[in-house]
Amino acid sequence: MTGFDLRQKLGPRTPVIACWFPECAFEIHLRSEIFLRFNLGLYRHAKKKGFDLRLLDGRVPGARLLRDVGAGACDGIIAILSDRRPAASEKWKTLDKRIPFVCAMTRTKGMESHFVGLDDEAAGSLLVEHLIEEGHRSIGFVSGYPESYVSLRFEGYRKMLQKHRLPLKREWVFGLDAA
């Protein structure tokens, strides 16, 4: 019996959205409030719209995701990709021709996919502006990842310091080159 025949016997199935996080193992991020809120929001919205949500972490290889898509195991994909994982981006380029997809949180270089995220430069500016409004004048910048969004946030940070005539000191910048 084929998958199609089985679906006819079982009746209509609930559509499935896969959310792929190739950068992480879930147990590491379960302590992150942002990660938990993001996934809870996805889950609630998917359920409200009549979808099941399948969360896949970095231990699920892109090849398996491609196989599952080909077998009709999911009806759409949300991915959180990184500039640091070109192999994941290559798999994504293959998937984007076969199934509805959205790249979330980080715009990935070279990807022409649909994107949901935030204006990272504005986020950097807003953070600095808030600190200035709170009376701070010695403001540093710390990043753990060399991602494109970090560069944009740094640009917002730099512009806001310049606007308020505050110093940008290289010794206060960690995780990227302040030049």
C-alpha atoms as a PDB file:
ATOM      1  CA  MET A   1       0.000   0.000   0.000  1.00  0.00           C
ATOM      2  CA  THR A   2       1.431   3.391  -0.942  1.00  0.00           C
ATOM      3  CA  GLY A   3       1.429   6.475   1.270  1.00  0.00           C
ATOM      4  CA  PHE A   4      -1.286   7.954  -0.950  1.00  0.00           C
ATOM      5  CA  ASP A   5      -3.492   4.846  -0.586  1.00  0.00           C
ATOM      6  CA  LEU A   6      -2.960   4.847   3.172  1.00  0.00           C
ATOM      7  CA  ARG A   7      -3.969   8.532   3.408  1.00  0.00           C
ATOM      8  CA  GLN A   8      -7.192   7.756   1.509  1.00  0.00           C
ATOM      9  CA  LYS A   9      -8.017   4.974   3.991  1.00  0.00           C
ATOM     10  CA  LEU A  10      -7.128   7.061   7.058  1.00  0.00           C
ATOM     11  CA  GLY A  11      -8.854  10.163   5.783  1.00  0.00           C
ATOM     12  CA  PRO A  12      -7.402  13.643   5.493  1.00  0.00           C
ATOM     13  CA  ARG A  13      -4.336  14.275   7.599  1.00  0.00           C
ATOM     14  CA  THR A  14      -3.448  17.431   9.488  1.00  0.00           C
ATOM     15  CA  PRO A  15      -0.953  19.501   7.490  1.00  0.00           C
ATOM     16  CA  VAL A  16       2.533  19.576   8.994  1.00  0.00           C
ATOM     17  CA  ILE A  17       4.997  22.456   9.158  1.00  0.00           C
ATOM     18  CA  ALA A  18       8.591  21.541   9.921  1.00  0.00           C
ATOM     19  CA  CYS A  19      10.663  24.082  11.810  1.00  0.00           C
ATOM     20  CA  TRP A  20      14.354  23.320  11.220  1.00  0.00           C
ATOM     21  CA  PHE A  21      17.111  24.699  13.451  1.00  0.00           C
ATOM     22  CA  PRO A  22      20.296  23.294  11.862  1.00  0.00           C
ATOM     23  CA  GLU A  23      22.513  25.286  14.248  1.00  0.00           C
ATOM     24  CA  CYS A  24      21.432  23.784  17.546  1.00  0.00           C
ATOM     25  CA  ALA A  25      20.631  20.843  19.748  1.00  0.00           C
ATOM     26  CA  PHE A  26      17.394  21.649  21.565  1.00  0.00           C
ATOM     27  CA  GLU A  27      18.499  20.713  25.067  1.00  0.00           C
ATOM     28  CA  ILE A  28      21.131  23.475  24.924  1.00  0.00           C
ATOM     29  CA  HIS A  29      18.556  26.121  24.014  1.00  0.00           C
ATOM     30  CA  LEU A  30      15.746  24.976  26.305  1.00  0.00           C
ATOM     31  CA  ARG A  31      17.102  27.329  28.967  1.00  0.00           C
ATOM     32  CA  SER A  32      16.734  30.292  26.588  1.00  0.00           C
ATOM     33  CA  GLU A  33      13.557  32.284  27.153  1.00  0.00           C
ATOM     34  CA  ILE A  34      13.738  33.722  23.615  1.00  0.00           C
ATOM     35  CA  PHE A  35      14.003  30.236  22.116  1.00  0.00           C
ATOM     36  CA  LEU A  36      11.114  28.943  24.222  1.00  0.00           C
ATOM     37  CA  ARG A  37       8.871  31.916  23.428  1.00  0.00           C
ATOM     38  CA  PHE A  38       9.657  31.687  19.699  1.00  0.00           C
ATOM     39  CA  ASN A  39       8.739  27.999  19.570  1.00  0.00           C
ATOM     40  CA  LEU A  40       5.669  28.399  21.765  1.00  0.00           C
ATOM     41  CA  GLY A  41       4.442  31.211  19.508  1.00  0.00           C
ATOM     42  CA  LEU A  42       4.984  29.064  16.410  1.00  0.00           C
ATOM     43  CA  TYR A  43       3.213  26.124  18.009  1.00  0.00           C
ATOM     44  CA  ARG A  44       0.180  28.137  19.147  1.00  0.00           C
ATOM     45  CA  HIS A  45      -0.225  29.870  15.809  1.00  0.00           C
ATOM     46  CA  ALA A  46       0.167  26.616  13.856  1.00  0.00           C
ATOM     47  CA  LYS A  47      -2.470  24.906  16.021  1.00  0.00           C
ATOM     48  CA  LYS A  48      -4.853  27.863  15.663  1.00  0.00           C
ATOM     49  CA  LYS A  49      -4.528  27.577  11.865  1.00  0.00           C
ATOM     50  CA  GLY A  50      -5.017  23.784  11.891  1.00  0.00           C
ATOM     51  CA  PHE A  51      -1.388  22.692  11.413  1.00  0.00           C
ATOM     52  CA  ASP A  52       0.861  20.374  13.365  1.00  0.00           C
ATOM     53  CA  LEU A  53       4.366  21.676  14.052  1.00  0.00           C
ATOM     54  CA  ARG A  54       7.400  19.398  13.924  1.00  0.00           C
ATOM     55  CA  LEU A  55      10.569  20.853  15.465  1.00  0.00           C
ATOM     56  CA  LEU A  56      13.838  19.563  14.032  1.00  0.00           C
ATOM     57  CA  ASP A  57      17.228  20.446  15.444  1.00  0.00           C
ATOM     58  CA  GLY A  58      20.812  20.264  14.145  1.00  0.00           C
ATOM     59  CA  ARG A  59      20.935  16.493  14.523  1.00  0.00           C
ATOM     60  CA  VAL A  60      18.436  16.132  11.678  1.00  0.00           C
ATOM     61  CA  PRO A  61      20.557  16.206   8.539  1.00  0.00           C
ATOM     62  CA  GLY A  62      19.403  18.261   5.580  1.00  0.00           C
ATOM     63  CA  ALA A  63      19.372  15.084   3.477  1.00  0.00           C
ATOM     64  CA  ARG A  64      16.694  13.576   5.761  1.00  0.00           C
ATOM     65  CA  LEU A  65      14.658  16.765   5.544  1.00  0.00           C
ATOM     66  CA  LEU A  66      14.851  16.570   1.737  1.00  0.00           C
ATOM     67  CA  ARG A  67      13.733  12.915   1.854  1.00  0.00           C
ATOM     68  CA  ASP A  68      10.813  13.763   4.168  1.00  0.00           C
ATOM     69  CA  VAL A  69       9.723  16.603   1.872  1.00  0.00           C
ATOM     70  CA  GLY A  70       9.867  14.266  -1.123  1.00  0.00           C
ATOM     71  CA  ALA A  71       7.723  11.731   0.745  1.00  0.00           C
ATOM     72  CA  GLY A  72       5.109  14.369   1.595  1.00  0.00           C
ATOM     73  CA  ALA A  73       5.876  14.221   5.343  1.00  0.00           C
ATOM     74  CA  CYS A  74       5.645  17.985   5.670  1.00  0.00           C
ATOM     75  CA  ASP A  75       3.747  20.698   3.864  1.00  0.00           C
ATOM     76  CA  GLY A  76       5.967  23.679   4.577  1.00  0.00           C
ATOM     77  CA  ILE A  77       9.226  24.563   6.295  1.00  0.00           C
ATOM     78  CA  ILE A  78      10.397  27.356   8.547  1.00  0.00           C
ATOM     79  CA  ALA A  79      14.180  27.426   8.952  1.00  0.00           C
ATOM     80  CA  ILE A  80      16.538  29.331  11.169  1.00  0.00           C
ATOM     81  CA  LEU A  81      19.698  29.397   9.069  1.00  0.00           C
ATOM     82  CA  SER A  82      23.128  30.840   9.632  1.00  0.00           C
ATOM     83  CA  ASP A  83      25.795  32.361   7.420  1.00  0.00           C
ATOM     84  CA  ARG A  84      28.175  29.948   9.165  1.00  0.00           C
ATOM     85  CA  ARG A  85      26.561  26.788   7.736  1.00  0.00           C
ATOM     86  CA  PRO A  86      26.814  26.915   3.938  1.00  0.00           C
ATOM     87  CA  ALA A  87      25.811  23.243   3.656  1.00  0.00           C
ATOM     88  CA  ALA A  88      22.474  23.976   5.374  1.00  0.00           C
ATOM     89  CA  SER A  89      21.946  26.933   3.037  1.00  0.00           C
ATOM     90  CA  GLU A  90      22.597  24.708   0.020  1.00  0.00           C
ATOM     91  CA  LYS A  91      19.974  22.213   1.244  1.00  0.00           C
ATOM     92  CA  TRP A  92      17.595  25.146   1.738  1.00  0.00           C
ATOM     93  CA  LYS A  93      18.101  26.286  -1.864  1.00  0.00           C
ATOM     94  CA  THR A  94      17.052  22.804  -2.995  1.00  0.00           C
ATOM     95  CA  LEU A  95      14.022  22.791  -0.698  1.00  0.00           C
ATOM     96  CA  ASP A  96      12.805  26.238  -1.703  1.00  0.00           C
ATOM     97  CA  LYS A  97      11.992  24.957  -5.174  1.00  0.00           C
ATOM     98  CA  ARG A  98       9.904  22.062  -3.826  1.00  0.00           C
ATOM     99  CA  ILE A  99       7.842  23.298  -0.886  1.00  0.00           C
ATOM    100  CA  PRO A 100       6.564  26.521   0.743  1.00  0.00           C
ATOM    101  CA  PHE A 101       9.301  27.884   2.995  1.00  0.00           C
ATOM    102  CA  VAL A 102      10.211  30.837   5.184  1.00  0.00           C
ATOM    103  CA  CYS A 103      13.576  31.802   6.595  1.00  0.00           C
ATOM    104  CA  ALA A 104      13.039  33.209  10.094  1.00  0.00           C
ATOM    105  CA  MET A 105      14.990  35.508  12.370  1.00  0.00           C
ATOM    106  CA  THR A 106      18.150  35.895  10.263  1.00  0.00           C
ATOM    107  CA  ARG A 107      18.364  36.910   6.614  1.00  0.00           C
ATOM    108  CA  THR A 108      20.902  34.515   5.090  1.00  0.00           C
ATOM    109  CA  LYS A 109      23.308  35.744   2.434  1.00  0.00           C
ATOM    110  CA  GLY A 110      22.635  34.311  -1.007  1.00  0.00           C
ATOM    111  CA  MET A 111      19.140  33.123  -0.105  1.00  0.00           C
ATOM    112  CA  GLU A 112      16.203  34.479  -2.064  1.00  0.00           C
ATOM    113  CA  SER A 113      13.628  33.000   0.288  1.00  0.00           C
ATOM    114  CA  HIS A 114      10.707  34.580   2.061  1.00  0.00           C
ATOM    115  CA  PHE A 115      11.944  36.134   5.286  1.00  0.00           C
ATOM    116  CA  VAL A 116      10.445  37.043   8.659  1.00  0.00           C
ATOM    117  CA  GLY A 117      12.643  38.887  11.114  1.00  0.00           C
ATOM    118  CA  LEU A 118      13.513  42.316  12.320  1.00  0.00           C
ATOM    119  CA  ASP A 119      15.448  45.345  11.163  1.00  0.00           C
ATOM    120  CA  ASP A 120      18.762  44.501  12.799  1.00  0.00           C
ATOM    121  CA  GLU A 121      20.288  47.935  12.246  1.00  0.00           C
ATOM    122  CA  ALA A 122      17.286  49.601  13.878  1.00  0.00           C
ATOM    123  CA  ALA A 123      17.526  47.105  16.764  1.00  0.00           C
ATOM    124  CA  GLY A 124      21.140  48.139  17.387  1.00  0.00           C
ATOM    125  CA  SER A 125      20.157  51.803  17.291  1.00  0.00           C
ATOM    126  CA  LEU A 126      17.202  51.332  19.641  1.00  0.00           C
ATOM    127  CA  LEU A 127      19.322  49.493  22.190  1.00  0.00           C
ATOM    128  CA  VAL A 128      21.922  52.262  22.266  1.00  0.00           C
ATOM    129  CA  GLU A 129      19.278  54.980  22.349  1.00  0.00           C
ATOM    130  CA  HIS A 130      17.625  53.318  25.339  1.00  0.00           C
ATOM    131  CA  LEU A 131      20.940  53.162  27.206  1.00  0.00           C
ATOM    132  CA  ILE A 132      21.616  56.834  26.430  1.00  0.00           C
ATOM    133  CA  GLU A 133      18.137  57.777  27.706  1.00  0.00           C
ATOM    134  CA  GLU A 134      18.967  55.875  30.906  1.00  0.00           C
ATOM    135  CA  GLY A 135      22.033  58.118  31.337  1.00  0.00           C
ATOM    136  CA  HIS A 136      24.764  55.777  30.127  1.00  0.00           C
ATOM    137  CA  ARG A 137      27.641  57.249  28.114  1.00  0.00           C
ATOM    138  CA  SER A 138      30.233  54.431  28.011  1.00  0.00           C
ATOM    139  CA  ILE A 139      28.494  51.845  25.820  1.00  0.00           C
ATOM    140  CA  GLY A 140      30.172  48.727  24.484  1.00  0.00           C
ATOM    141  CA  PHE A 141      29.154  46.058  21.973  1.00  0.00           C
ATOM    142  CA  VAL A 142      29.464  42.309  22.550  1.00  0.00           C
ATOM    143  CA  SER A 143      28.732  39.546  20.042  1.00  0.00           C
ATOM    144  CA  GLY A 144      29.304  35.819  20.129  1.00  0.00           C
ATOM    145  CA  TYR A 145      28.786  35.144  16.426  1.00  0.00           C
ATOM    146  CA  PRO A 146      30.208  36.550  13.194  1.00  0.00           C
ATOM    147  CA  GLU A 147      26.797  36.644  11.500  1.00  0.00           C
ATOM    148  CA  SER A 148      25.506  39.212   9.008  1.00  0.00           C
ATOM    149  CA  TYR A 149      22.820  40.359  11.471  1.00  0.00           C
ATOM    150  CA  VAL A 150      25.548  41.177  14.017  1.00  0.00           C
ATOM    151  CA  SER A 151      27.223  43.507  11.532  1.00  0.00           C
ATOM    152  CA  LEU A 152      23.912  45.277  10.965  1.00  0.00           C
ATOM    153  CA  ARG A 153      23.291  45.642  14.703  1.00  0.00           C
ATOM    154  CA  PHE A 154      26.811  46.968  15.109  1.00  0.00           C
ATOM    155  CA  GLU A 155      26.122  49.521  12.373  1.00  0.00           C
ATOM    156  CA  GLY A 156      23.054  50.734  14.278  1.00  0.00           C
ATOM    157  CA  TYR A 157      25.146  50.906  17.455  1.00  0.00           C
ATOM    158  CA  ARG A 158      27.877  52.886  15.655  1.00  0.00           C
ATOM    159  CA  LYS A 159      25.449  55.344  14.056  1.00  0.00           C
ATOM    160  CA  MET A 160      23.649  56.057  17.320  1.00  0.00           C
ATOM    161  CA  LEU A 161      26.922  56.690  19.154  1.00  0.00           C
ATOM    162  CA  GLN A 162      27.935  59.052  16.348  1.00  0.00           C
ATOM    163  CA  LYS A 163      24.567  60.840  16.431  1.00  0.00           C
ATOM    164  CA  HIS A 164      24.986  61.521  20.159  1.00  0.00           C
ATOM    165  CA  ARG A 165      28.703  62.348  19.794  1.00  0.00           C
ATOM    166  CA  LEU A 166      29.731  59.483  22.057  1.00  0.00           C
ATOM    167  CA  PRO A 167      33.030  57.618  21.646  1.00  0.00           C
ATOM    168  CA  LEU A 168      33.264  54.230  19.973  1.00  0.00           C
ATOM    169  CA  LYS A 169      36.286  52.669  21.658  1.00  0.00           C
ATOM    170  CA  ARG A 170      37.743  49.522  20.103  1.00  0.00           C
ATOM    171  CA  GLU A 171      38.487  48.098  23.549  1.00  0.00           C
ATOM    172  CA  TRP A 172      34.729  48.180  24.274  1.00  0.00           C
ATOM    173  CA  VAL A 173      33.861  46.049  21.228  1.00  0.00           C
ATOM    174  CA  PHE A 174      34.040  42.254  21.530  1.00  0.00           C
ATOM    175  CA  GLY A 175      33.296  39.585  18.941  1.00  0.00           C
ATOM    176  CA  LEU A 176      33.952  41.574  15.768  1.00  0.00           C
ATOM    177  CA  ASP A 177      36.342  44.099  14.273  1.00  0.00           C
ATOM    178  CA  ALA A 178      35.333  47.659  15.221  1.00  0.00           C
ATOM    179  CA  ALA A 179      37.322  49.269  12.400  1.00  0.00           C
END
